[in-house]
C-alpha cells in the first residue's frame, strides 16, 4: 500500500502531513501527486469528500518551497467557486506549510479591498481567490499575473453551474502560457471537457470513481407524501422535515438541511427555531462575517442544524456530519451527489434523507438515472392527515375572489362565528324588502365599504332632511349650496320668489331660471362706444406742438 513517504514530497511537507494525522493517501491523492510533482498538467475527476484539496496543495508547497515572490506578482493561483471553499483551501495551506516559509493571500468578497491590497503589495507565493474578486483587483491595477507558474481550478463543475466559465477563460488568458495547470472536478460536463481540451496540455487524467456516484457509506432514504391542499403544502412539508429529524433521535448529532432557494432557507430556519430546534441559516446574501461565525459554530458542535443553499454543498470539509436532509430535491441531478457527500466522509457512515412531493417526479427520475440506482423509499414518520395532540389544523385560506365579494356585499365565505345551524337559518325572519327600497344601502367609493351606522341606527352620509348625498361622503361643501346669482354678484333670489322644496334638483332649476332674465336684459342694451386709446407721448404734447 502506498504511503505519503513514497510520493517524493518535501520532508518538511511530509512532517506536517504526519502531524496532521494522515499516513495513507486517498486514491485521488496517490494518482495526482506524482505527475503534479513532475510538472505535468493534471485532470482529476473524483466525487466530493475524496481529498482533492490535498491532491494539489501538497505538490504546490513542495514546488514553491524554493524561490521568492515579488510585489503584486503571485507565484501560484488557486481559483475556487465559493468563499467558504476558498477559506478552507487557505486553512489547508496553513496546515501543510507550517514548516515552510510561504506567504499566501485570500481574495474573497465581503472583505475590505484595503486589507487585501496590503498583502498583495508585499508579494505572495500562493494566491487563493474567487474569480470575481480576482478580476476586480486586476482591473484596479493592483495585481499582475505574469509570474504565475502553477494554476489550480478547484470544483470546476460548480464554476460552470455558477456562471464563472467566462471569467475562468479570461483568467486563463491573463496567466503565462507556460504555466502548470491542475484541474479538478467531480463531474465532466461537455463544457468542462471543452475547457480542458483548450487550456490543458497533454494532462494526466486521474479518475478514481465513476462520475457522479454516491459514497457507499451513505444510507439514502426517500420520504414521499402528497399535500392535502396546495395552500398548505409548504407548512406540511416543514412539518414532515421536523418529524424526520425527531424520528432520528440521538443518532442525528448534527445535520445540514439543503433548500433550493435562499428565501426557503430563511423560512425553514425560522420554523425550526420556532419549534425549539437549534438551527441557523447560511446562504449567499448573508455577510461574510455572519457566514463564518455560523460555520465555526457548526464545526465546533455548538450548532446542530445548518439550513443551507447550494453555496454549502461544495467543498466544505466538516468530517463529522451525521445527516443530510434534502428539504428540496435539487433541480440539477449532480447537485444531489454533492449534497449528500457532506456526510459519510473519510470512511464514516452517514444518512441522507430526501423529501419529495408529486411535483418533484422529474427531478427524482434524473437523480436515479445519474446514480444508476433507485433511492430506497422509507415510511414517512408523519402523514398530512395526522396532527399532534392539541394542535389544530390551520384554517383554510380565503381566496381573493371571496374576500372581494364579501367586501362588496356579495356572497363571500362565511366566518366560523357567522355560520348558523339549518334550523336557526330557517327560523330566522327574512328582511323586509320595503325597507330596503326606502333606504338602499350604499358604500363609499374610495374604500369600497359600507358607511357605518350612527347611534340612531341610520346610515351616515345623509342630509338633514334624510336626502341622499351622492358622491360627497359625509360632508356637502358650502360652495355647491350657493346659487349661480350669488356667485355672479347679482341680487339673490328672495324667499318669496323661491318656493320651499325638499329636493335639491328643483332648487337648482329655480336658481338657473332667475339667472337667465338678467343675462337677456344685459344682452339687449347697446354696447358703449370705445374710447380712443391715448398714449403717454400724446398726453405730454403741448397745444403749440400740435399746431406746429
Protein backbone atom coordinates (compact mmCIF):
# COMPACT_ATOMS: atom_id res chain seq x y z
CA UNK A 1 0.00 0.00 0.00
CA UNK A 2 1.28 3.46 -0.94
CA UNK A 3 2.14 5.92 1.83
CA UNK A 4 2.91 9.64 1.74
CA UNK A 5 6.61 8.88 2.22
CA UNK A 6 6.61 7.16 -1.20
CA UNK A 7 5.36 10.28 -3.07
CA UNK A 8 8.68 12.26 -3.08
CA UNK A 9 7.24 15.12 -1.08
CA UNK A 10 9.38 17.74 0.65
CA UNK A 11 10.48 16.42 4.07
CA UNK A 12 9.03 19.49 5.77
CA UNK A 13 5.72 18.95 3.99
CA UNK A 14 5.77 15.27 4.91
CA UNK A 15 6.37 16.19 8.55
CA UNK A 16 3.31 18.46 8.54
CA UNK A 17 1.19 15.69 6.98
CA UNK A 18 2.21 13.23 9.68
CA UNK A 19 1.48 15.78 12.39
CA UNK A 20 -2.00 16.28 10.88
CA UNK A 21 -2.63 12.55 11.42
CA UNK A 22 -2.54 11.29 7.82
CA UNK A 23 -0.44 8.31 6.80
CA UNK A 24 -2.05 6.78 3.73
CA UNK A 25 -3.10 8.89 0.74
CA UNK A 26 -6.51 8.53 -0.85
CA UNK A 27 -6.74 7.16 -4.42
CA UNK A 28 -7.06 10.64 -5.96
CA UNK A 29 -4.03 11.83 -3.95
CA UNK A 30 -1.92 8.82 -4.88
CA UNK A 31 -2.78 9.31 -8.55
CA UNK A 32 -2.47 13.11 -8.85
CA UNK A 33 0.56 13.98 -6.67
CA UNK A 34 3.31 12.16 -8.69
CA UNK A 35 2.51 13.74 -12.10
CA UNK A 36 1.97 17.13 -10.43
CA UNK A 37 5.47 16.93 -8.91
CA UNK A 38 6.84 16.17 -12.39
CA UNK A 39 5.35 19.43 -13.68
CA UNK A 40 2.64 17.87 -15.86
CA UNK A 41 -0.91 19.14 -16.21
CA UNK A 42 -3.38 17.09 -14.17
CA UNK A 43 -7.08 16.45 -14.76
CA UNK A 44 -8.58 14.93 -11.61
CA UNK A 45 -12.11 13.54 -11.55
CA UNK A 46 -13.38 12.31 -8.20
CA UNK A 47 -16.51 12.57 -6.12
CA UNK A 48 -16.69 15.02 -3.28
CA UNK A 49 -15.05 14.11 0.00
CA UNK A 50 -12.16 12.13 -1.51
CA UNK A 51 -9.36 14.55 -0.58
CA UNK A 52 -8.95 16.53 -3.79
CA UNK A 53 -7.69 19.59 -1.88
CA UNK A 54 -4.55 17.83 -0.65
CA UNK A 55 -4.01 16.47 -4.17
CA UNK A 56 -2.92 19.91 -5.37
CA UNK A 57 -1.90 21.52 -2.05
CA UNK A 58 0.94 19.14 -1.23
CA UNK A 59 2.73 19.24 -4.62
CA UNK A 60 2.30 23.02 -4.82
CA UNK A 61 4.01 23.56 -1.46
CA UNK A 62 6.83 21.21 -2.47
CA UNK A 63 7.47 23.08 -5.71
CA UNK A 64 7.11 26.57 -4.23
CA UNK A 65 9.45 25.86 -1.31
CA UNK A 66 12.27 27.21 -3.49
CA UNK A 67 12.05 30.81 -4.66
CA UNK A 68 10.51 34.08 -3.58
CA UNK A 69 7.55 36.10 -4.77
CA UNK A 70 7.71 39.70 -5.97
CA UNK A 71 5.32 42.51 -5.14
CA UNK A 72 1.88 42.20 -6.80
CA UNK A 73 3.11 39.12 -8.72
CA UNK A 74 1.93 35.84 -7.09
CA UNK A 75 3.74 32.64 -7.98
CA UNK A 76 0.66 30.39 -7.90
CA UNK A 77 -3.07 30.85 -8.22
CA UNK A 78 -5.95 28.76 -6.85
CA UNK A 79 -9.49 29.52 -8.10
CA UNK A 80 -12.48 28.41 -6.01
CA UNK A 81 -16.21 28.88 -6.70
CA UNK A 82 -17.30 30.00 -3.21
CA UNK A 83 -15.89 31.97 -0.31
CA UNK A 84 -16.21 29.02 2.07
CA UNK A 85 -14.25 26.70 -0.21
CA UNK A 86 -11.53 29.33 -0.72
CA UNK A 87 -11.23 29.81 3.04
CA UNK A 88 -10.99 26.05 3.51
CA UNK A 89 -8.19 25.78 0.93
CA UNK A 90 -6.36 28.56 2.78
CA UNK A 91 -6.65 26.57 6.01
CA UNK A 92 -5.16 23.51 4.32
CA UNK A 93 -2.19 25.57 3.16
CA UNK A 94 -1.65 26.77 6.73
CA UNK A 95 -1.74 23.17 7.96
CA UNK A 96 0.64 21.66 5.41
CA UNK A 97 3.03 24.62 5.00
CA UNK A 98 3.65 25.45 8.65
CA UNK A 99 7.27 24.25 8.38
CA UNK A 100 7.87 26.02 5.06
CA UNK A 101 8.20 29.78 4.73
CA UNK A 102 5.47 30.58 2.21
CA UNK A 103 3.16 33.55 2.11
CA UNK A 104 -0.44 33.44 0.97
CA UNK A 105 -3.34 35.81 0.39
CA UNK A 106 -7.06 35.15 0.33
CA UNK A 107 -9.11 37.26 -2.10
CA UNK A 108 -12.82 36.79 -1.50
CA UNK A 109 -15.87 39.02 -1.38
CA UNK A 110 -17.17 40.54 1.82
CA UNK A 111 -13.67 41.61 2.92
CA UNK A 112 -12.11 45.06 2.62
CA UNK A 113 -10.06 45.71 -0.52
CA UNK A 114 -7.54 47.67 1.55
CA UNK A 115 -6.52 44.70 3.69
CA UNK A 116 -6.12 42.50 0.63
CA UNK A 117 -4.09 45.17 -1.21
CA UNK A 118 -1.60 45.28 1.68
CA UNK A 119 -0.96 41.54 1.37
CA UNK A 120 -0.62 41.67 -2.42
CA UNK A 121 1.81 44.59 -2.28
CA UNK A 122 4.15 42.56 -0.06
CA UNK A 123 4.19 39.70 -2.56
CA UNK A 124 2.59 36.28 -2.02
CA UNK A 125 3.59 32.79 -3.05
CA UNK A 126 0.06 31.40 -3.06
CA UNK A 127 -2.97 33.44 -4.11
CA UNK A 128 -6.35 31.86 -3.31
CA UNK A 129 -9.31 33.69 -4.80
CA UNK A 130 -12.79 33.58 -6.20
CA UNK A 131 -12.98 34.63 -9.88
CA UNK A 132 -14.98 37.80 -9.34
CA UNK A 133 -12.76 39.33 -6.65
CA UNK A 134 -9.59 38.34 -8.55
CA UNK A 135 -10.72 40.23 -11.66
CA UNK A 136 -11.71 43.23 -9.50
CA UNK A 137 -8.13 43.51 -8.21
CA UNK A 138 -6.69 43.02 -11.68
CA UNK A 139 -8.87 45.73 -13.23
CA UNK A 140 -7.86 48.14 -10.45
CA UNK A 141 -4.21 47.60 -11.39
CA UNK A 142 -3.34 46.01 -8.04
CA UNK A 143 -2.44 42.58 -9.41
CA UNK A 144 -0.08 41.25 -12.10
CA UNK A 145 -0.45 37.61 -13.20
CA UNK A 146 2.63 37.36 -15.43
CA UNK A 147 4.62 35.32 -12.90
CA UNK A 148 2.05 32.58 -12.17
CA UNK A 149 3.76 29.21 -12.51
CA UNK A 150 1.03 26.91 -11.12
CA UNK A 151 -2.69 27.46 -11.66
CA UNK A 152 -5.35 25.36 -9.94
CA UNK A 153 -9.07 25.25 -10.76
CA UNK A 154 -10.99 23.53 -7.98
CA UNK A 155 -14.61 22.32 -8.32
CA UNK A 156 -14.76 23.25 -11.99
CA UNK A 157 -18.26 21.84 -12.47
CA UNK A 158 -19.51 24.12 -9.71
CA UNK A 159 -17.88 27.02 -11.57
CA UNK A 160 -19.99 26.03 -14.55
CA UNK A 161 -23.20 25.97 -12.51
CA UNK A 162 -22.49 29.41 -11.04
CA UNK A 163 -21.74 31.00 -14.42
CA UNK A 164 -17.99 31.54 -13.85
CA UNK A 165 -16.81 29.86 -17.05
CA UNK A 166 -16.38 33.17 -18.98
CA UNK A 167 -14.34 34.54 -16.07
CA UNK A 168 -12.23 31.38 -15.98
CA UNK A 169 -11.49 31.65 -19.69
CA UNK A 170 -10.47 35.30 -19.24
CA UNK A 171 -8.16 34.44 -16.34
CA UNK A 172 -6.55 31.69 -18.41
CA UNK A 173 -5.69 34.37 -20.97
CA UNK A 174 -4.01 36.55 -18.30
CA UNK A 175 -1.60 33.94 -16.93
CA UNK A 176 1.52 32.75 -18.83
CA UNK A 177 1.11 30.04 -21.43
CA UNK A 178 3.95 28.01 -19.88
CA UNK A 179 2.14 27.56 -16.58
CA UNK A 180 1.27 24.19 -15.00
CA UNK A 181 -2.49 23.61 -14.69
CA UNK A 182 -4.16 21.35 -12.13
CA UNK A 183 -7.85 20.92 -12.95
CA UNK A 184 -10.21 19.13 -10.55
CA UNK A 185 -13.91 18.42 -10.90
CA UNK A 186 -16.48 15.97 -9.59
CA UNK A 187 -18.24 15.60 -12.96
CA UNK A 188 -17.24 16.17 -16.56
CA UNK A 189 -19.93 18.14 -18.33
CA UNK A 190 -19.39 18.85 -22.06
CA UNK A 191 -18.50 22.47 -21.33
CA UNK A 192 -15.88 21.39 -18.77
CA UNK A 193 -14.40 18.95 -21.23
CA UNK A 194 -14.16 21.71 -23.84
CA UNK A 195 -12.18 23.90 -21.43
CA UNK A 196 -9.80 21.09 -20.53
CA UNK A 197 -9.13 20.37 -24.20
CA UNK A 198 -8.46 24.08 -24.80
CA UNK A 199 -6.28 25.07 -21.85
CA UNK A 200 -4.61 21.82 -20.67
CA UNK A 201 -1.63 20.37 -22.48
CA UNK A 202 -1.49 16.57 -22.51
CA UNK A 203 -2.85 16.23 -18.97
CA UNK A 204 -2.53 13.19 -16.76
CA UNK A 205 -6.15 12.05 -16.30
CA UNK A 206 -6.91 10.54 -12.91
CA UNK A 207 -10.43 9.22 -12.45
CA UNK A 208 -10.76 7.29 -9.24
CA UNK A 209 -14.55 6.86 -9.21
CA UNK A 210 -17.30 6.73 -11.74
CA UNK A 211 -18.64 10.19 -12.43
CA UNK A 212 -21.39 11.35 -10.08
CA UNK A 213 -21.55 8.31 -7.81
CA UNK A 214 -22.54 8.47 -4.18
CA UNK A 215 -20.35 7.01 -1.49
CA UNK A 216 -21.25 3.51 -0.35
CA UNK A 217 -21.02 4.59 3.29
CA UNK A 218 -24.10 6.84 2.92
CA UNK A 219 -27.53 5.39 3.69
CA UNK A 220 -30.04 7.03 1.35
CA UNK A 221 -33.79 7.32 2.01
CA UNK A 222 -36.69 8.98 0.27
CA UNK A 223 -39.82 10.26 2.02
CA UNK A 224 -42.74 10.77 -0.35
CA UNK A 225 -46.00 12.45 0.59
CA UNK A 226 -48.86 14.25 -1.09
CA UNK A 227 -50.01 17.56 0.44
CA UNK A 228 -53.69 17.82 1.31
CA UNK A 229 -54.08 21.31 -0.14
CA UNK A 230 -51.97 23.49 -2.33
CA UNK A 231 -52.01 26.47 0.02
CA UNK A 232 -50.77 24.38 2.98
CA UNK A 233 -48.18 22.28 1.13
CA UNK A 234 -45.21 24.35 2.38
CA UNK A 235 -46.34 24.14 6.02
CA UNK A 236 -46.92 20.38 5.74
CA UNK A 237 -43.50 19.93 4.14
CA UNK A 238 -41.84 21.74 7.04
CA UNK A 239 -43.78 19.55 9.46
CA UNK A 240 -42.56 16.47 7.61
CA UNK A 241 -38.98 17.74 7.98
CA UNK A 242 -39.39 18.27 11.73
CA UNK A 243 -40.91 14.80 12.09
CA UNK A 244 -37.98 13.25 10.18
CA UNK A 245 -35.43 14.99 12.40
CA UNK A 246 -37.28 13.96 15.54
CA UNK A 247 -37.55 10.35 14.33
CA UNK A 248 -33.75 10.08 14.02
CA UNK A 249 -33.40 10.98 17.69
CA UNK A 250 -29.91 10.96 19.16
CA UNK A 251 -28.44 9.43 16.02
CA UNK A 252 -28.76 12.87 14.41
CA UNK A 253 -25.94 14.65 16.19
CA UNK A 254 -25.78 17.38 13.55
CA UNK A 255 -27.19 17.81 10.07
CA UNK A 256 -27.18 20.04 7.00
CA UNK A 257 -30.59 20.84 5.50
CA UNK A 258 -30.50 21.90 1.85
CA UNK A 259 -33.04 24.16 0.16
CA UNK A 260 -33.13 25.30 -3.45
CA UNK A 261 -33.94 28.96 -2.76
CA UNK A 262 -32.48 31.48 -0.34
CA UNK A 263 -35.97 32.55 0.73
CA UNK A 264 -36.81 29.00 1.75
CA UNK A 265 -33.55 28.78 3.71
CA UNK A 266 -34.65 31.64 5.95
CA UNK A 267 -38.23 30.34 6.28
CA UNK A 268 -37.16 26.79 7.21
CA UNK A 269 -34.58 28.06 9.70
CA UNK A 270 -37.12 30.30 11.44
CA UNK A 271 -39.65 27.45 11.51
CA UNK A 272 -37.14 25.12 13.17
CA UNK A 273 -36.16 27.78 15.69
CA UNK A 274 -39.83 28.39 16.50
CA UNK A 275 -40.32 24.71 17.32
CA UNK A 276 -37.29 24.52 19.60
CA UNK A 277 -34.57 23.25 17.23
CA UNK A 278 -31.04 24.66 17.30
CA UNK A 279 -30.81 25.87 13.68
CA UNK A 280 -29.21 28.73 11.72
CA UNK A 281 -29.34 29.70 8.02
CA UNK A 282 -26.43 30.21 5.63
CA UNK A 283 -26.64 31.44 2.05
CA UNK A 284 -25.02 33.90 -0.34
CA UNK A 285 -26.95 37.00 0.78
CA UNK A 286 -25.55 36.94 4.30
CA UNK A 287 -22.47 38.90 5.33
CA UNK A 288 -19.20 37.01 5.19
CA UNK A 289 -18.61 37.53 8.90
CA UNK A 290 -22.04 36.05 9.68
CA UNK A 291 -21.40 33.06 7.41
CA UNK A 292 -18.02 32.46 9.02
CA UNK A 293 -19.45 32.57 12.56
CA UNK A 294 -22.23 30.16 11.60
CA UNK A 295 -19.82 27.65 10.04
CA UNK A 296 -17.46 27.86 13.00
CA UNK A 297 -20.35 27.18 15.40
CA UNK A 298 -21.39 24.18 13.31
CA UNK A 299 -17.85 22.78 13.19
CA UNK A 300 -17.41 23.22 16.94
CA UNK A 301 -20.68 21.43 17.73
CA UNK A 302 -22.46 24.48 19.14
CA UNK A 303 -24.96 24.42 16.26
CA UNK A 304 -26.93 21.26 15.50
CA UNK A 305 -28.82 22.09 12.29
CA UNK A 306 -27.38 24.14 9.43
CA UNK A 307 -30.00 25.21 6.86
CA UNK A 308 -28.11 25.98 3.66
CA UNK A 309 -28.42 26.67 -0.02
CA UNK A 310 -26.09 25.05 -2.54
CA UNK A 311 -23.38 27.52 -1.54
CA UNK A 312 -22.53 24.99 1.20
CA UNK A 313 -22.87 21.91 -1.00
CA UNK A 314 -19.37 22.04 -2.41
CA UNK A 315 -16.04 21.69 -0.77
CA UNK A 316 -16.96 22.23 2.88
CA UNK A 317 -14.86 19.79 4.87
CA UNK A 318 -16.86 19.02 8.01
CA UNK A 319 -15.99 15.36 8.68
CA UNK A 320 -18.47 14.66 11.47
CA UNK A 321 -21.79 15.48 9.77
CA UNK A 322 -24.14 12.63 10.66
CA UNK A 323 -27.16 13.51 8.47
CA UNK A 324 -28.08 15.43 5.34
CA UNK A 325 -31.70 16.40 4.67
CA UNK A 326 -32.82 17.45 1.23
CA UNK A 327 -35.80 19.67 2.00
CA UNK A 328 -35.99 20.31 -1.76
CA UNK A 329 -34.77 17.90 -4.39
CA UNK A 330 -32.13 19.72 -6.47
CA UNK A 331 -33.06 20.74 -9.99
CA UNK A 332 -29.63 19.54 -11.21
CA UNK A 333 -29.03 15.87 -10.58
CA UNK A 334 -25.29 16.39 -9.98
CA UNK A 335 -26.05 18.60 -7.00
CA UNK A 336 -27.68 15.65 -5.24
CA UNK A 337 -24.35 13.82 -5.19
CA UNK A 338 -22.54 16.86 -3.82
CA UNK A 339 -25.17 17.49 -1.17
CA UNK A 340 -25.21 14.02 0.29
CA UNK A 341 -21.41 13.97 0.04
CA UNK A 342 -21.31 16.29 3.06
CA UNK A 343 -21.91 13.20 5.21
CA UNK A 344 -20.15 9.84 5.22
CA UNK A 345 -16.73 11.46 4.72
CA UNK A 346 -13.35 9.89 5.44
CA UNK A 347 -14.83 6.39 5.75
CA UNK A 348 -17.52 7.36 8.25
CA UNK A 349 -21.13 6.32 7.87
CA UNK A 350 -23.86 8.85 7.15
CA UNK A 351 -27.57 9.19 6.40
CA UNK A 352 -29.12 11.20 3.57
CA UNK A 353 -32.91 11.75 3.74
CA UNK A 354 -34.79 13.47 0.90
CA UNK A 355 -38.36 14.76 0.90
CA UNK A 356 -40.28 14.55 -2.37
CA UNK A 357 -43.72 15.74 -3.44
CA UNK A 358 -45.51 14.73 -6.65
CA UNK A 359 -44.13 17.82 -8.45
CA UNK A 360 -40.56 16.50 -7.92
CA UNK A 361 -41.06 13.41 -10.06
CA UNK A 362 -38.89 14.63 -12.96
CA UNK A 363 -36.05 15.64 -10.61
CA UNK A 364 -36.22 12.28 -8.86
CA UNK A 365 -36.04 10.40 -12.17
CA UNK A 366 -32.98 12.39 -13.27
CA UNK A 367 -31.21 11.72 -9.95
CA UNK A 368 -31.86 7.99 -10.06
CA UNK A 369 -30.67 7.83 -13.67
CA UNK A 370 -27.45 9.62 -12.72
CA UNK A 371 -26.56 7.44 -9.73
CA UNK A 372 -27.75 4.35 -11.63
CA UNK A 373 -29.89 3.02 -8.81
CA UNK A 374 -33.21 3.62 -7.14
CA UNK A 375 -33.28 5.57 -3.89
CA UNK A 376 -34.90 3.33 -1.24
CA UNK A 377 -38.38 4.52 -0.20
CA UNK A 378 -38.90 4.81 3.52
CA UNK A 379 -42.07 5.03 5.56
CA UNK A 380 -42.89 8.65 6.31
CA UNK A 381 -42.77 9.46 10.04
CA UNK A 382 -45.74 11.80 9.61
CA UNK A 383 -48.73 11.97 7.29
CA UNK A 384 -50.59 15.16 6.30
CA UNK A 385 -53.82 13.83 7.84
CA UNK A 386 -52.25 13.29 11.28
CA UNK A 387 -51.90 16.12 13.76
CA UNK A 388 -50.06 16.14 17.07
CA UNK A 389 -52.32 16.15 20.10
CA UNK A 390 -53.53 19.62 20.99
CA UNK A 391 -52.56 21.11 17.61
CA UNK A 392 -55.38 22.36 15.41
CA UNK A 393 -55.42 22.14 11.68
CA UNK A 394 -54.72 25.51 10.02
CA UNK A 395 -57.86 27.31 8.85
CA UNK A 396 -58.39 27.28 5.10
CA UNK A 397 -57.08 30.35 3.41
CA UNK A 398 -59.79 32.54 1.95
CA UNK A 399 -59.39 33.21 -1.76
CA UNK A 400 -59.05 36.75 -3.07
CA UNK A 401 -62.29 36.45 -5.04
CA UNK A 402 -64.21 35.51 -1.88
CA UNK A 403 -62.73 38.46 0.00
CA UNK A 404 -63.66 40.80 -2.83
CA UNK A 405 -67.24 39.55 -2.99
CA UNK A 406 -67.61 39.78 0.77
CA UNK A 407 -66.22 43.34 0.87
CA UNK A 408 -68.70 44.38 -1.81
CA UNK A 409 -71.65 42.83 -0.04
CA UNK A 410 -71.70 39.66 -2.14
CA UNK A 411 -71.68 36.06 -1.05
CA UNK A 412 -68.29 35.52 0.46
CA UNK A 413 -67.11 32.62 2.57
CA UNK A 414 -68.88 32.91 5.97
CA UNK A 415 -66.76 33.09 9.08
CA UNK A 416 -66.94 30.42 11.76
CA UNK A 417 -68.93 32.69 14.09
CA UNK A 418 -71.40 33.65 11.36
CA UNK A 419 -72.37 30.12 10.42
CA UNK A 420 -75.79 29.05 11.72
CA UNK A 421 -77.42 25.71 12.05
CA UNK A 422 -80.04 24.84 9.39
CA UNK A 423 -82.85 25.09 11.98
CA UNK A 424 -81.77 28.59 13.06
CA UNK A 425 -81.44 29.73 9.46
CA UNK A 426 -84.97 28.50 8.66
CA UNK A 427 -86.47 30.12 11.77
CA UNK A 428 -84.79 33.49 11.23
CA UNK A 429 -87.21 36.08 9.73
CA UNK A 430 -86.33 37.49 6.38
CA UNK A 431 -85.57 41.20 5.97
CA UNK A 432 -88.39 43.46 4.79
CA UNK A 433 -87.96 44.33 1.12
CA UNK A 434 -89.88 47.62 1.57
CA UNK A 435 -87.23 48.96 3.96
CA UNK A 436 -84.53 48.04 1.52
CA UNK A 437 -86.28 50.03 -1.18
CA UNK A 438 -86.81 53.02 1.11
CA UNK A 439 -83.25 53.18 2.35
CA UNK A 440 -81.00 51.35 -0.08
CA UNK A 441 -77.55 50.55 1.22
CA UNK A 442 -74.66 52.38 -0.33
CA UNK A 443 -70.95 52.19 0.06
CA UNK A 444 -68.11 54.64 0.00
CA UNK A 445 -66.47 54.66 -3.41
CA UNK A 446 -62.98 55.27 -2.04
CA UNK A 447 -62.89 52.46 0.50
CA UNK A 448 -65.49 50.14 -1.08
CA UNK A 449 -67.02 49.63 2.37
CA UNK A 450 -70.49 50.28 3.67
CA UNK A 451 -70.88 53.50 5.72
CA UNK A 452 -71.10 52.84 9.46
CA UNK A 453 -74.30 53.36 11.39
CA UNK A 454 -74.76 56.21 13.82
CA UNK A 455 -76.31 55.94 17.28
CA UNK A 456 -79.85 56.09 15.88
CA UNK A 457 -79.13 53.06 13.70
CA UNK A 458 -79.30 55.06 10.48
CA UNK A 459 -76.57 55.10 7.91
CA UNK A 460 -74.22 58.02 7.87
CA UNK A 461 -73.92 60.08 4.74
CA UNK A 462 -77.50 61.53 4.67
CA UNK A 463 -78.60 65.14 4.65
CA UNK A 464 -80.54 66.85 7.46
CA UNK A 465 -83.86 66.08 5.77
CA UNK A 466 -82.90 62.47 5.10
CA UNK A 467 -81.86 63.15 1.49
CA UNK A 468 -79.10 61.09 -0.07
CA UNK A 469 -75.89 62.95 -0.68
CA UNK A 470 -74.44 61.16 -3.66
CA UNK A 471 -70.70 61.24 -4.20
CA UNK A 472 -69.94 63.77 -1.42
CA UNK A 473 -69.28 61.45 1.50
CA UNK A 474 -70.35 62.80 4.91
CA UNK A 475 -70.00 66.50 4.08
CA UNK A 476 -71.60 68.82 1.50
CA UNK A 477 -69.25 71.67 0.57
CA UNK A 478 -70.70 75.16 1.06
CA UNK A 479 -69.86 76.42 -2.42
CA UNK A 480 -72.24 73.91 -4.01
CA UNK A 481 -75.17 75.29 -1.97
CA UNK A 482 -74.60 78.79 -3.39
CA UNK A 483 -76.81 79.85 -6.30
CA UNK A 484 -75.32 80.96 -9.57
CA UNK A 485 -76.70 84.51 -8.96
CA UNK A 486 -74.79 84.87 -5.74
CA UNK A 487 -71.58 83.73 -7.40
CA UNK A 488 -72.06 86.33 -10.20
CA UNK A 489 -72.53 89.11 -7.67
CA UNK A 490 -76.15 89.84 -8.68
CA UNK A 491 -79.18 90.02 -6.42
CA UNK A 492 -80.04 86.79 -4.74
CA UNK A 493 -83.43 85.28 -5.18
CA UNK A 494 -85.80 86.28 -2.41
CA UNK A 495 -87.55 83.81 -0.24
CA UNK A 496 -90.90 84.85 -1.67
CA UNK A 497 -89.84 84.12 -5.25
CA UNK A 498 -88.17 80.84 -4.40
CA UNK A 499 -90.62 78.13 -3.38
CA UNK A 500 -89.79 75.89 -0.46
CA UNK A 501 -88.90 72.42 -1.77
CA UNK A 502 -87.43 69.32 -0.26
CA UNK A 503 -85.32 68.01 -3.13
CA UNK A 504 -82.15 69.65 -4.40
CA UNK A 505 -83.00 69.39 -8.10
CA UNK A 506 -85.95 71.89 -8.18
CA UNK A 507 -83.92 74.40 -6.14
CA UNK A 508 -81.11 74.23 -8.65
CA UNK A 509 -83.50 74.67 -11.59
CA UNK A 510 -85.12 77.75 -9.95
CA UNK A 511 -81.70 79.26 -9.42
CA UNK A 512 -80.89 78.79 -13.06
CA UNK A 513 -84.17 80.39 -14.16
CA UNK A 514 -83.58 83.53 -12.03
CA UNK A 515 -80.24 83.97 -13.69
CA UNK A 516 -81.45 83.79 -17.28
CA UNK A 517 -83.57 87.04 -17.25
CA UNK A 518 -80.83 89.49 -16.22
CA UNK A 519 -78.49 87.94 -18.73
CA UNK A 520 -81.03 88.58 -21.53
CA UNK A 521 -81.56 92.25 -20.49
CA UNK A 522 -77.86 92.87 -20.48
CA UNK A 523 -77.59 91.44 -23.95
CA UNK A 524 -80.34 93.86 -25.24
CA UNK A 525 -78.58 97.06 -24.05
CA UNK A 526 -76.46 98.89 -26.65
CA UNK A 527 -72.75 98.49 -26.26
CA UNK A 528 -70.89 101.65 -25.10
CA UNK A 529 -68.51 103.36 -27.52
CA UNK A 530 -64.90 102.50 -27.08
CA UNK A 531 -62.66 105.37 -26.06
CA UNK A 532 -59.75 106.18 -28.21
CA UNK A 533 -56.58 104.99 -26.66
CA UNK A 534 -54.25 107.87 -25.81
CA UNK A 535 -50.63 107.12 -25.41
CA UNK A 536 -48.44 108.72 -22.85
CA UNK A 537 -46.49 110.53 -25.51
CA UNK A 538 -49.63 112.21 -26.85
CA UNK A 539 -50.67 113.40 -23.38
CA UNK A 540 -47.34 115.10 -22.81
CA UNK A 541 -47.51 117.00 -26.12
CA UNK A 542 -48.43 120.75 -25.80
CA UNK A 543 -51.03 122.61 -27.99
CA UNK A 544 -48.21 124.53 -29.65
CA UNK A 545 -46.55 121.35 -30.70
CA UNK A 546 -49.83 120.10 -32.10
CA UNK A 547 -50.30 123.33 -34.12
CA UNK A 548 -46.78 123.30 -35.43
